[in-house]
N, C-alpha and C. Protein backbone atom coordinates (compact mmCIF):
# COMPACT_ATOMS: atom_id res chain seq x y z
N MET A 1 -24.25 -24.03 -55.12
CA MET A 1 -23.76 -23.79 -54.05
C MET A 1 -22.53 -24.38 -53.37
N GLY A 2 -22.85 -25.67 -53.61
CA GLY A 2 -21.92 -26.92 -53.02
C GLY A 2 -20.89 -26.76 -53.98
N ALA A 3 -20.79 -26.07 -55.33
CA ALA A 3 -19.58 -25.87 -56.18
C ALA A 3 -18.67 -24.96 -55.82
N GLU A 4 -19.35 -24.00 -55.17
CA GLU A 4 -18.51 -22.80 -54.57
C GLU A 4 -17.63 -22.90 -53.42
N GLY A 5 -17.98 -23.94 -52.49
CA GLY A 5 -17.55 -24.05 -51.40
C GLY A 5 -16.05 -24.40 -51.87
N PRO A 6 -15.77 -25.82 -52.35
CA PRO A 6 -14.19 -26.06 -52.75
C PRO A 6 -13.33 -24.76 -53.18
N ALA A 7 -14.28 -23.93 -54.40
CA ALA A 7 -13.35 -22.80 -54.82
C ALA A 7 -12.91 -21.69 -53.59
N GLU A 8 -14.06 -21.45 -53.14
CA GLU A 8 -13.83 -20.43 -51.91
C GLU A 8 -12.88 -20.70 -51.04
N CYS A 9 -12.48 -22.10 -50.56
CA CYS A 9 -11.44 -22.75 -49.72
C CYS A 9 -10.56 -22.73 -50.27
N HIS A 10 -10.08 -23.12 -51.80
CA HIS A 10 -9.18 -22.79 -52.51
C HIS A 10 -8.68 -21.36 -52.77
N GLU A 11 -9.07 -20.67 -53.04
CA GLU A 11 -8.75 -19.11 -52.56
C GLU A 11 -8.42 -18.64 -51.39
N HIS A 12 -8.72 -19.41 -50.56
CA HIS A 12 -8.55 -18.91 -48.99
C HIS A 12 -7.07 -19.41 -48.76
N HIS A 13 -6.95 -20.74 -49.08
CA HIS A 13 -5.46 -21.21 -49.31
C HIS A 13 -4.44 -20.50 -50.10
N GLU A 14 -5.02 -20.03 -50.97
CA GLU A 14 -4.12 -19.30 -51.91
C GLU A 14 -3.58 -18.19 -51.14
N TRP A 15 -4.62 -17.43 -50.80
CA TRP A 15 -4.34 -16.27 -49.78
C TRP A 15 -3.08 -16.41 -48.76
N ILE A 16 -3.35 -17.58 -48.06
CA ILE A 16 -2.42 -18.15 -47.00
C ILE A 16 -0.99 -18.23 -47.43
N ARG A 17 -1.03 -18.66 -48.65
CA ARG A 17 0.32 -18.75 -49.27
C ARG A 17 0.78 -17.40 -49.51
N HIS A 18 0.29 -16.59 -49.89
CA HIS A 18 0.73 -15.31 -50.14
C HIS A 18 1.38 -14.77 -48.96
N VAL A 19 0.87 -14.73 -47.74
CA VAL A 19 1.08 -13.85 -46.75
C VAL A 19 2.60 -14.75 -46.07
N SER A 20 3.38 -13.50 -45.89
CA SER A 20 4.68 -13.73 -45.72
C SER A 20 5.12 -14.51 -44.33
N LEU A 21 6.18 -15.15 -44.08
CA LEU A 21 6.45 -15.66 -42.54
C LEU A 21 6.14 -14.40 -41.56
N LEU A 22 7.12 -13.43 -42.08
CA LEU A 22 6.89 -12.45 -41.20
C LEU A 22 5.55 -11.64 -40.70
N ASP A 23 4.72 -11.70 -41.83
CA ASP A 23 3.31 -11.26 -41.44
C ASP A 23 2.56 -12.14 -40.48
N ARG A 24 2.76 -13.50 -40.98
CA ARG A 24 2.31 -14.45 -39.95
C ARG A 24 2.67 -14.45 -38.58
N ALA A 25 3.91 -13.88 -38.34
CA ALA A 25 4.79 -14.06 -36.92
C ALA A 25 4.05 -12.65 -36.24
N ILE A 26 3.93 -11.49 -36.90
CA ILE A 26 3.30 -10.32 -36.43
C ILE A 26 1.64 -10.68 -35.99
N MET A 27 1.02 -11.36 -36.99
CA MET A 27 -0.45 -11.51 -36.60
C MET A 27 -0.50 -12.53 -35.27
N ALA A 28 0.36 -13.52 -35.41
CA ALA A 28 0.61 -14.42 -33.96
C ALA A 28 0.66 -13.56 -32.86
N ALA A 29 1.80 -12.74 -33.03
CA ALA A 29 2.49 -12.11 -31.84
C ALA A 29 1.03 -11.00 -31.31
N LEU A 30 0.30 -10.43 -32.29
CA LEU A 30 -0.58 -9.41 -31.99
C LEU A 30 -1.74 -10.34 -31.26
N VAL A 31 -2.03 -11.62 -31.87
CA VAL A 31 -3.46 -12.40 -30.85
C VAL A 31 -2.55 -12.73 -29.60
N VAL A 32 -1.35 -13.12 -29.41
CA VAL A 32 -0.88 -13.50 -28.07
C VAL A 32 -0.76 -12.17 -27.34
N GLY A 33 -0.55 -10.97 -27.92
CA GLY A 33 -0.26 -9.79 -27.13
C GLY A 33 -1.84 -9.41 -26.50
N LEU A 34 -2.46 -9.37 -27.26
CA LEU A 34 -4.04 -9.06 -27.13
C LEU A 34 -4.72 -9.70 -26.08
N ALA A 35 -4.15 -11.26 -25.90
CA ALA A 35 -4.54 -12.28 -25.24
C ALA A 35 -4.13 -12.08 -23.64
N ILE A 36 -3.00 -11.78 -23.74
CA ILE A 36 -2.38 -11.19 -22.59
C ILE A 36 -2.55 -9.83 -21.96
N LEU A 37 -2.85 -8.99 -22.74
CA LEU A 37 -3.44 -7.64 -22.69
C LEU A 37 -4.77 -7.90 -21.67
N PHE A 38 -5.53 -8.64 -22.10
CA PHE A 38 -7.05 -8.85 -21.53
C PHE A 38 -6.98 -9.78 -20.31
N LEU A 39 -5.93 -10.67 -20.19
CA LEU A 39 -5.94 -11.44 -19.08
C LEU A 39 -4.77 -11.10 -17.95
N ARG A 40 -4.59 -9.89 -18.13
CA ARG A 40 -3.61 -9.39 -17.02
C ARG A 40 -4.15 -9.29 -15.92
N PRO A 41 -5.29 -8.68 -15.99
CA PRO A 41 -5.97 -8.17 -14.40
C PRO A 41 -6.49 -9.52 -13.77
N PHE A 42 -6.77 -10.51 -14.78
CA PHE A 42 -7.31 -11.82 -14.07
C PHE A 42 -6.27 -12.45 -13.12
N ILE A 43 -4.90 -12.55 -14.28
CA ILE A 43 -3.91 -13.18 -13.67
C ILE A 43 -3.42 -12.55 -12.42
N ALA A 44 -3.53 -11.26 -12.61
CA ALA A 44 -2.80 -10.40 -11.29
C ALA A 44 -3.60 -10.20 -10.00
N PHE A 45 -5.24 -10.63 -10.30
CA PHE A 45 -6.04 -11.15 -9.15
C PHE A 45 -5.69 -12.03 -8.52
N GLN A 46 -5.64 -13.39 -9.26
CA GLN A 46 -5.31 -14.52 -8.84
C GLN A 46 -4.03 -15.00 -8.01
N SER A 47 -3.02 -13.77 -8.44
CA SER A 47 -1.30 -13.78 -7.80
C SER A 47 -2.08 -12.89 -6.47
N TYR A 48 -2.50 -12.16 -6.63
CA TYR A 48 -3.13 -11.36 -5.31
C TYR A 48 -3.74 -12.29 -4.43
N THR A 49 -4.82 -12.79 -4.94
CA THR A 49 -5.55 -13.92 -3.80
C THR A 49 -4.87 -15.00 -3.27
N ARG A 50 -3.88 -15.49 -4.12
CA ARG A 50 -2.97 -16.41 -3.37
C ARG A 50 -1.83 -16.13 -2.21
N ALA A 51 -1.48 -14.87 -2.73
CA ALA A 51 -0.49 -13.90 -1.89
C ALA A 51 -1.44 -13.61 -0.56
N TYR A 52 -2.42 -13.31 -0.68
CA TYR A 52 -3.34 -13.14 0.18
C TYR A 52 -3.61 -14.35 1.22
N SER A 53 -3.88 -15.32 0.85
CA SER A 53 -3.88 -16.31 1.46
C SER A 53 -2.62 -16.78 2.18
N PHE A 54 -1.42 -16.73 1.30
CA PHE A 54 -0.46 -17.44 2.12
C PHE A 54 -0.14 -16.43 3.27
N SER A 55 -0.04 -15.15 3.07
CA SER A 55 -0.02 -13.98 4.19
C SER A 55 -0.88 -14.52 5.49
N ASP A 56 -2.12 -14.63 5.13
CA ASP A 56 -3.24 -15.04 6.19
C ASP A 56 -2.55 -16.05 7.30
N LEU A 57 -2.13 -17.06 6.36
CA LEU A 57 -1.37 -18.26 7.26
C LEU A 57 -0.02 -18.03 7.82
N GLY A 58 0.64 -16.79 7.36
CA GLY A 58 1.72 -16.85 7.84
C GLY A 58 2.82 -17.16 7.06
N PHE A 59 2.93 -17.48 5.90
CA PHE A 59 3.89 -17.64 4.89
C PHE A 59 4.27 -16.21 4.12
N TYR A 60 4.80 -15.36 4.93
CA TYR A 60 5.13 -14.14 4.33
C TYR A 60 6.28 -14.24 3.25
N GLU A 61 7.23 -15.39 3.09
CA GLU A 61 8.00 -14.85 1.98
C GLU A 61 7.20 -15.32 0.75
N ARG A 62 6.37 -16.51 0.96
CA ARG A 62 5.78 -16.83 -0.36
C ARG A 62 4.56 -15.79 -0.63
N ALA A 63 4.16 -15.22 0.20
CA ALA A 63 3.10 -14.13 -0.16
C ALA A 63 3.96 -13.09 -0.71
N ILE A 64 5.00 -12.71 -0.47
CA ILE A 64 5.98 -11.56 -0.99
C ILE A 64 5.93 -11.80 -2.45
N THR A 65 6.35 -13.20 -2.90
CA THR A 65 6.44 -13.74 -4.35
C THR A 65 5.15 -13.08 -5.21
N HIS A 66 4.20 -13.70 -4.55
CA HIS A 66 2.85 -13.57 -5.43
C HIS A 66 2.62 -12.19 -5.21
N TYR A 67 2.69 -11.29 -4.34
CA TYR A 67 2.44 -10.09 -4.36
C TYR A 67 3.15 -9.29 -5.35
N LYS A 68 4.51 -9.48 -5.49
CA LYS A 68 5.36 -8.97 -6.48
C LYS A 68 4.83 -9.14 -8.00
N ARG A 69 4.47 -10.24 -8.04
CA ARG A 69 3.64 -10.95 -9.58
C ARG A 69 2.61 -10.17 -9.72
N ALA A 70 1.47 -9.67 -8.71
CA ALA A 70 0.50 -9.14 -8.68
C ALA A 70 0.87 -7.95 -9.24
N ILE A 71 1.72 -7.20 -8.58
CA ILE A 71 2.24 -5.73 -8.97
C ILE A 71 2.93 -5.63 -10.45
N LEU A 72 3.57 -6.89 -10.71
CA LEU A 72 4.29 -6.69 -12.23
C LEU A 72 3.23 -6.63 -13.46
N LEU A 73 2.09 -7.50 -12.96
CA LEU A 73 0.97 -7.45 -13.59
C LEU A 73 0.15 -6.49 -13.82
N ASP A 74 -0.31 -5.73 -12.52
CA ASP A 74 -0.92 -4.67 -12.58
C ASP A 74 -0.33 -3.63 -11.50
N PRO A 75 0.38 -2.73 -12.07
CA PRO A 75 1.20 -2.04 -11.20
C PRO A 75 0.34 -0.90 -10.12
N LYS A 76 -1.04 -0.83 -10.73
CA LYS A 76 -1.49 0.16 -10.13
C LYS A 76 -2.42 -0.57 -8.76
N LEU A 77 -2.44 -1.85 -8.59
CA LEU A 77 -3.24 -2.44 -7.59
C LEU A 77 -2.58 -2.04 -6.24
N ALA A 78 -3.11 -1.27 -5.66
CA ALA A 78 -3.02 -0.51 -4.39
C ALA A 78 -2.65 -1.37 -3.27
N GLU A 79 -3.79 -2.15 -3.30
CA GLU A 79 -3.84 -3.31 -2.06
C GLU A 79 -2.66 -4.16 -2.22
N ALA A 80 -2.42 -4.61 -3.25
CA ALA A 80 -1.13 -5.52 -3.52
C ALA A 80 0.45 -4.86 -2.75
N HIS A 81 0.36 -3.41 -2.95
CA HIS A 81 1.58 -2.75 -2.54
C HIS A 81 1.46 -2.60 -1.35
N SER A 82 0.01 -2.41 -0.42
CA SER A 82 -0.08 -2.28 0.90
C SER A 82 0.27 -3.69 1.55
N ASN A 83 -0.16 -4.30 1.03
CA ASN A 83 0.06 -6.06 1.51
C ASN A 83 1.40 -6.40 1.62
N LEU A 84 2.02 -5.98 0.64
CA LEU A 84 3.32 -6.49 0.18
C LEU A 84 4.21 -5.65 1.24
N ALA A 85 3.98 -4.68 1.30
CA ALA A 85 4.77 -3.81 2.70
C ALA A 85 4.34 -4.36 4.10
N PHE A 86 3.34 -5.07 4.19
CA PHE A 86 2.99 -5.35 5.41
C PHE A 86 3.75 -6.72 5.48
N CYS A 87 4.24 -7.82 4.46
CA CYS A 87 4.74 -8.86 4.66
C CYS A 87 6.17 -8.27 4.68
N TYR A 88 6.97 -7.20 3.81
CA TYR A 88 8.01 -7.13 4.31
C TYR A 88 8.13 -6.67 5.85
N ASN A 89 7.56 -5.90 6.30
CA ASN A 89 7.41 -5.54 7.80
C ASN A 89 7.63 -7.02 8.55
N LYS A 90 6.86 -7.86 8.49
CA LYS A 90 6.94 -8.88 8.90
C LYS A 90 7.99 -9.69 9.07
N THR A 91 8.90 -9.67 7.90
CA THR A 91 9.99 -10.34 7.58
C THR A 91 11.02 -9.67 7.93
N GLY A 92 10.83 -8.47 8.50
CA GLY A 92 12.28 -7.57 9.07
C GLY A 92 12.91 -6.76 7.96
N LYS A 93 12.31 -6.67 6.90
CA LYS A 93 12.81 -5.61 5.72
C LYS A 93 11.93 -4.26 5.55
N ILE A 94 12.63 -3.86 6.84
CA ILE A 94 11.89 -2.42 7.23
C ILE A 94 11.74 -1.02 5.90
N SER A 95 13.13 -1.28 5.71
CA SER A 95 13.43 -0.29 4.66
C SER A 95 12.42 -0.29 3.34
N LEU A 96 12.25 -1.53 2.95
CA LEU A 96 11.67 -2.02 1.68
C LEU A 96 10.32 -1.79 2.28
N ALA A 97 9.80 -2.02 3.54
CA ALA A 97 8.26 -1.80 4.10
C ALA A 97 7.82 -0.37 3.79
N ILE A 98 8.66 0.31 4.24
CA ILE A 98 8.60 2.09 4.22
C ILE A 98 8.31 2.48 2.80
N THR A 99 9.40 1.88 1.92
CA THR A 99 9.19 2.38 0.61
C THR A 99 7.99 2.03 0.13
N THR A 100 7.50 0.69 -0.05
CA THR A 100 6.21 0.18 -0.40
C THR A 100 5.05 0.90 0.46
N TYR A 101 5.27 0.92 1.20
CA TYR A 101 3.68 1.64 1.99
C TYR A 101 3.77 3.08 1.15
N ARG A 102 4.82 3.77 0.91
CA ARG A 102 4.70 5.09 0.15
C ARG A 102 4.25 4.97 -1.17
N GLU A 103 4.86 3.72 -1.75
CA GLU A 103 3.95 3.28 -3.26
C GLU A 103 2.60 3.46 -3.21
N ALA A 104 2.09 2.28 -2.12
CA ALA A 104 0.50 2.06 -1.87
C ALA A 104 0.00 3.54 -1.57
N LEU A 105 0.66 4.50 -1.03
CA LEU A 105 -0.26 5.60 -0.45
C LEU A 105 -0.27 6.38 -1.74
N SER A 106 0.79 6.40 -2.80
CA SER A 106 0.75 7.43 -4.00
C SER A 106 -0.52 6.93 -4.48
N LEU A 107 -0.55 5.49 -4.64
CA LEU A 107 -2.13 5.01 -5.45
C LEU A 107 -3.25 5.43 -4.67
N ASN A 108 -2.99 5.23 -3.46
CA ASN A 108 -4.54 5.43 -2.76
C ASN A 108 -4.27 6.08 -1.45
N PRO A 109 -4.22 7.74 -1.59
CA PRO A 109 -3.60 8.19 0.03
C PRO A 109 -4.84 8.07 0.60
N TRP A 110 -6.05 7.44 0.46
CA TRP A 110 -6.82 7.33 1.51
C TRP A 110 -7.15 5.91 2.25
N ASP A 111 -5.91 5.15 1.68
CA ASP A 111 -5.55 3.92 2.72
C ASP A 111 -5.15 4.24 3.84
N TYR A 112 -6.01 4.62 4.81
CA TYR A 112 -5.81 4.96 6.43
C TYR A 112 -4.99 4.02 6.98
N GLN A 113 -5.13 2.78 7.14
CA GLN A 113 -4.51 1.66 7.54
C GLN A 113 -2.68 1.63 7.06
N SER A 114 -2.72 2.00 5.83
CA SER A 114 -1.20 2.17 5.42
C SER A 114 -0.54 3.24 6.07
N HIS A 115 -1.53 4.33 6.18
CA HIS A 115 -1.01 5.51 6.85
C HIS A 115 -0.38 5.38 8.39
N LEU A 116 -1.42 4.50 9.27
CA LEU A 116 -0.91 3.87 10.47
C LEU A 116 0.17 3.22 10.48
N GLU A 117 0.29 2.36 9.68
CA GLU A 117 1.66 1.13 9.54
C GLU A 117 2.64 1.61 9.12
N LEU A 118 2.68 2.83 8.35
CA LEU A 118 3.98 3.61 7.91
C LEU A 118 4.32 4.65 9.23
N GLY A 119 3.52 5.06 9.82
CA GLY A 119 3.63 5.97 11.20
C GLY A 119 4.27 5.37 12.08
N LEU A 120 3.84 3.98 12.33
CA LEU A 120 4.46 3.07 13.36
C LEU A 120 5.87 2.58 13.13
N LEU A 121 6.10 2.56 11.88
CA LEU A 121 7.30 2.32 11.29
C LEU A 121 8.24 3.48 11.38
N HIS A 122 7.69 4.43 11.13
CA HIS A 122 8.59 5.64 11.40
C HIS A 122 8.91 5.83 13.03
N TYR A 123 7.90 5.68 13.78
CA TYR A 123 7.82 5.77 15.17
C TYR A 123 8.95 4.95 15.73
N GLN A 124 9.19 3.62 15.23
CA GLN A 124 9.84 2.65 16.02
C GLN A 124 11.07 2.96 15.22
N GLY A 125 11.55 3.62 14.14
CA GLY A 125 12.48 4.05 13.56
C GLY A 125 13.29 5.47 14.21
N GLY A 126 12.45 5.89 14.84
CA GLY A 126 12.91 7.35 15.56
C GLY A 126 12.74 8.52 14.41
N ASP A 127 12.10 8.23 13.32
CA ASP A 127 11.70 9.53 12.56
C ASP A 127 10.13 9.79 13.01
N TYR A 128 10.36 10.65 14.22
CA TYR A 128 9.03 11.12 15.06
C TYR A 128 8.00 12.02 14.09
N ARG A 129 8.80 12.96 13.34
CA ARG A 129 8.32 13.63 12.72
C ARG A 129 7.22 13.17 11.07
N ARG A 130 8.00 12.52 10.81
CA ARG A 130 7.33 11.67 9.75
C ARG A 130 6.21 10.59 10.41
N ALA A 131 6.61 10.15 11.63
CA ALA A 131 5.57 9.39 12.22
C ALA A 131 4.26 10.20 12.48
N ALA A 132 4.27 11.40 12.99
CA ALA A 132 3.14 12.32 13.29
C ALA A 132 2.34 12.60 12.05
N GLU A 133 3.22 12.99 11.05
CA GLU A 133 2.48 13.29 9.43
C GLU A 133 1.37 11.81 9.31
N SER A 134 1.97 10.86 9.58
CA SER A 134 1.39 9.35 9.20
C SER A 134 0.07 9.34 10.12
N PHE A 135 0.27 9.73 11.57
CA PHE A 135 -0.61 9.51 12.60
C PHE A 135 -1.76 10.58 12.31
N GLU A 136 -1.31 11.69 11.67
CA GLU A 136 -2.55 12.76 11.37
C GLU A 136 -3.17 12.19 10.40
N ARG A 137 -2.68 11.74 9.26
CA ARG A 137 -3.63 11.40 8.24
C ARG A 137 -4.53 9.88 8.65
N PHE A 138 -3.81 9.24 9.78
CA PHE A 138 -4.88 7.92 9.82
C PHE A 138 -6.10 8.70 10.85
N LEU A 139 -5.74 9.20 11.74
CA LEU A 139 -6.84 9.87 12.44
C LEU A 139 -7.73 10.76 11.96
N GLU A 140 -7.55 11.32 10.96
CA GLU A 140 -8.62 11.88 9.80
C GLU A 140 -9.71 11.08 9.98
N ALA A 141 -9.44 9.58 9.59
CA ALA A 141 -10.33 8.39 9.60
C ALA A 141 -11.03 7.85 10.51
N ARG A 142 -10.20 7.80 11.48
CA ARG A 142 -10.21 7.42 13.04
C ARG A 142 -10.21 8.57 14.29
N PRO A 143 -10.50 9.47 14.28
CA PRO A 143 -10.28 10.33 15.22
C PRO A 143 -10.49 10.13 16.64
N ASP A 144 -10.92 8.98 17.08
CA ASP A 144 -11.10 8.54 18.57
C ASP A 144 -10.05 7.57 19.01
N GLU A 145 -8.92 7.19 17.92
CA GLU A 145 -7.96 5.90 18.32
C GLU A 145 -7.10 6.41 19.38
N VAL A 146 -7.54 6.26 20.62
CA VAL A 146 -6.68 6.71 21.83
C VAL A 146 -5.11 6.36 21.72
N ALA A 147 -4.87 5.16 21.21
CA ALA A 147 -3.67 4.58 21.27
C ALA A 147 -2.64 5.52 20.29
N ILE A 148 -3.50 6.23 19.20
CA ILE A 148 -2.79 6.71 18.05
C ILE A 148 -2.68 7.98 18.36
N LEU A 149 -3.61 8.57 19.36
CA LEU A 149 -3.57 10.39 19.79
C LEU A 149 -2.18 10.21 20.57
N ASN A 150 -2.25 9.16 21.46
CA ASN A 150 -1.02 9.10 22.53
C ASN A 150 0.26 8.95 21.61
N LEU A 151 0.51 8.38 20.45
CA LEU A 151 1.64 8.27 19.62
C LEU A 151 1.77 9.35 19.08
N LEU A 152 0.67 10.06 18.85
CA LEU A 152 1.00 11.45 17.75
C LEU A 152 1.35 12.38 19.08
N ALA A 153 0.96 12.31 20.20
CA ALA A 153 1.18 13.66 21.09
C ALA A 153 3.01 13.21 21.54
N LEU A 154 3.25 12.02 21.44
CA LEU A 154 4.50 11.66 22.01
C LEU A 154 5.65 11.96 20.95
N SER A 155 5.29 11.97 19.60
CA SER A 155 5.96 12.08 18.46
C SER A 155 6.17 13.56 18.67
N TYR A 156 4.88 14.26 18.77
CA TYR A 156 5.32 16.01 18.53
C TYR A 156 6.38 16.43 19.62
N GLU A 157 6.07 15.56 20.77
CA GLU A 157 7.04 15.93 22.21
C GLU A 157 8.48 15.91 21.85
N LYS A 158 8.71 14.59 21.08
CA LYS A 158 9.99 14.34 20.78
C LYS A 158 10.89 15.16 19.50
N VAL A 159 10.05 15.73 18.84
CA VAL A 159 10.65 16.84 18.05
C VAL A 159 10.80 18.06 18.61
N GLY A 160 9.87 18.30 19.83
CA GLY A 160 10.12 19.41 20.52
C GLY A 160 8.80 20.50 19.80
N ASP A 161 7.77 19.90 19.45
CA ASP A 161 6.76 20.91 19.22
C ASP A 161 5.84 20.71 19.96
N ALA A 162 5.88 21.40 21.08
CA ALA A 162 4.99 21.68 22.19
C ALA A 162 3.65 21.90 22.08
N GLU A 163 3.59 22.82 21.16
CA GLU A 163 1.86 23.30 20.62
C GLU A 163 1.27 22.15 20.28
N ARG A 164 1.82 21.17 19.24
CA ARG A 164 1.22 20.41 18.75
C ARG A 164 0.92 19.28 19.65
N ALA A 165 1.90 18.98 20.65
CA ALA A 165 1.88 18.07 21.69
C ALA A 165 0.75 18.21 22.42
N ILE A 166 0.56 19.76 23.00
CA ILE A 166 -0.52 20.07 23.84
C ILE A 166 -1.90 19.46 23.08
N SER A 167 -2.11 20.04 21.78
CA SER A 167 -3.28 19.83 21.05
C SER A 167 -3.49 18.68 21.27
N ALA A 168 -2.56 17.54 20.77
CA ALA A 168 -2.63 16.14 20.80
C ALA A 168 -3.24 15.66 22.24
N TRP A 169 -2.56 15.84 23.38
CA TRP A 169 -3.05 15.58 24.67
C TRP A 169 -4.65 15.99 24.73
N LYS A 170 -4.71 17.22 24.56
CA LYS A 170 -5.95 17.78 24.84
C LYS A 170 -7.28 16.60 23.80
N ARG A 171 -7.04 16.30 22.58
CA ARG A 171 -7.67 15.58 21.60
C ARG A 171 -7.90 14.51 22.28
N LEU A 172 -6.90 13.68 23.07
CA LEU A 172 -6.98 12.37 23.53
C LEU A 172 -7.72 12.46 24.80
N LEU A 173 -7.66 13.64 25.54
CA LEU A 173 -8.62 13.86 26.88
C LEU A 173 -9.93 13.92 26.33
N LYS A 174 -10.33 14.55 25.28
CA LYS A 174 -11.60 14.68 24.81
C LYS A 174 -12.21 13.12 25.05
N GLU A 175 -11.47 12.18 23.90
CA GLU A 175 -11.58 10.85 23.71
C GLU A 175 -11.78 10.11 24.83
N ASP A 176 -10.61 10.33 26.10
CA ASP A 176 -10.90 9.34 27.12
C ASP A 176 -10.41 10.77 28.54
N PRO A 177 -11.50 11.28 29.22
CA PRO A 177 -11.44 11.89 30.06
C PRO A 177 -10.60 11.35 31.21
N THR A 178 -10.29 10.11 31.47
CA THR A 178 -9.48 9.38 32.37
C THR A 178 -7.98 9.35 32.31
N SER A 179 -7.49 9.74 31.18
CA SER A 179 -6.34 9.45 31.23
C SER A 179 -5.39 10.23 32.08
N SER A 180 -4.67 9.62 32.78
CA SER A 180 -3.57 10.15 33.56
C SER A 180 -2.17 10.44 32.98
N ILE A 181 -1.92 9.70 31.86
CA ILE A 181 -0.86 10.04 31.30
C ILE A 181 -1.12 11.20 30.60
N ALA A 182 -2.24 11.74 29.79
CA ALA A 182 -2.57 12.71 28.99
C ALA A 182 -2.39 14.13 29.85
N ARG A 183 -2.67 13.66 31.08
CA ARG A 183 -2.79 15.08 32.32
C ARG A 183 -1.68 15.14 32.59
N GLU A 184 -0.66 14.19 32.89
CA GLU A 184 0.76 14.31 33.49
C GLU A 184 1.44 15.14 32.29
N HIS A 185 1.28 14.83 31.20
CA HIS A 185 2.01 15.67 30.06
C HIS A 185 1.51 16.66 29.89
N LEU A 186 0.62 16.89 30.06
CA LEU A 186 -0.18 18.17 29.80
C LEU A 186 0.21 19.13 30.99
N GLN A 187 0.17 19.14 32.07
CA GLN A 187 0.60 19.87 33.31
C GLN A 187 2.28 19.93 33.09
N ARG A 188 3.00 19.17 32.65
CA ARG A 188 4.21 19.41 32.62
C ARG A 188 4.45 20.35 31.09
N LEU A 189 4.00 20.43 29.93
CA LEU A 189 3.95 20.90 28.70
C LEU A 189 3.34 22.22 28.93
N GLU A 190 2.43 22.73 29.81
CA GLU A 190 1.89 24.04 29.96
C GLU A 190 2.23 24.52 31.08
N THR A 191 2.82 24.02 32.00
CA THR A 191 3.65 24.69 33.27
C THR A 191 4.98 25.38 32.88
N PRO A 192 5.06 26.84 32.82
CA PRO A 192 6.14 27.29 32.27
C PRO A 192 7.17 27.00 33.35
N LEU A 193 8.53 26.95 32.57
CA LEU A 193 9.78 26.75 33.42
C LEU A 193 10.13 27.64 34.51
N ALA A 194 10.23 27.42 35.48
CA ALA A 194 10.69 28.54 36.71
C ALA A 194 11.91 29.22 36.39
N PRO A 195 11.89 30.50 36.30
CA PRO A 195 13.10 31.38 36.46
C PRO A 195 14.07 30.90 36.71
N LYS A 196 15.29 31.01 36.16
CA LYS A 196 16.61 30.71 36.95
C LYS A 196 16.95 31.83 37.76
N ASN A 197 17.79 31.56 38.80
CA ASN A 197 18.13 33.05 39.83
C ASN A 197 19.67 33.32 39.39
């Protein structure tokens, strides 16, 4: 058995000599590629957690860098998109925030917090129709949020949709029967205009 060992080793070295440099490079690239493929999710998660820590501390620019890296490594990481949009918003990059929230929602349409944040950005930007759409999606999960019902009703009023505004104000009153603002708006919307003479 001891005599076969060196012979087998010699055959192995002979085989290696017959493998071309190109084949060796291809095999090495394959090994590295497989390692990267299997390590990508782990590295993406590390970048995500690092970004989350920076964001939590208020270092939004640093967080943006790490969220972008996490997304580069794992483009389907919806939470990274959503948190990146939040950081863009915090740094005043509103159009990037809106675009990134939309990307996050395309990956996870049930991310109701992103619907809310997107709705607030649209509302602040004067795009009341889109704001209303986002608020409606958020309210599917949290129908008792009075502040968002208020913004929803105001959004419908601003686009001239009295019927939906009335419905939203009534939903608000159902959650908060003491709301004088909702009562005032409802009274104004439900009172027909006096005929002109």
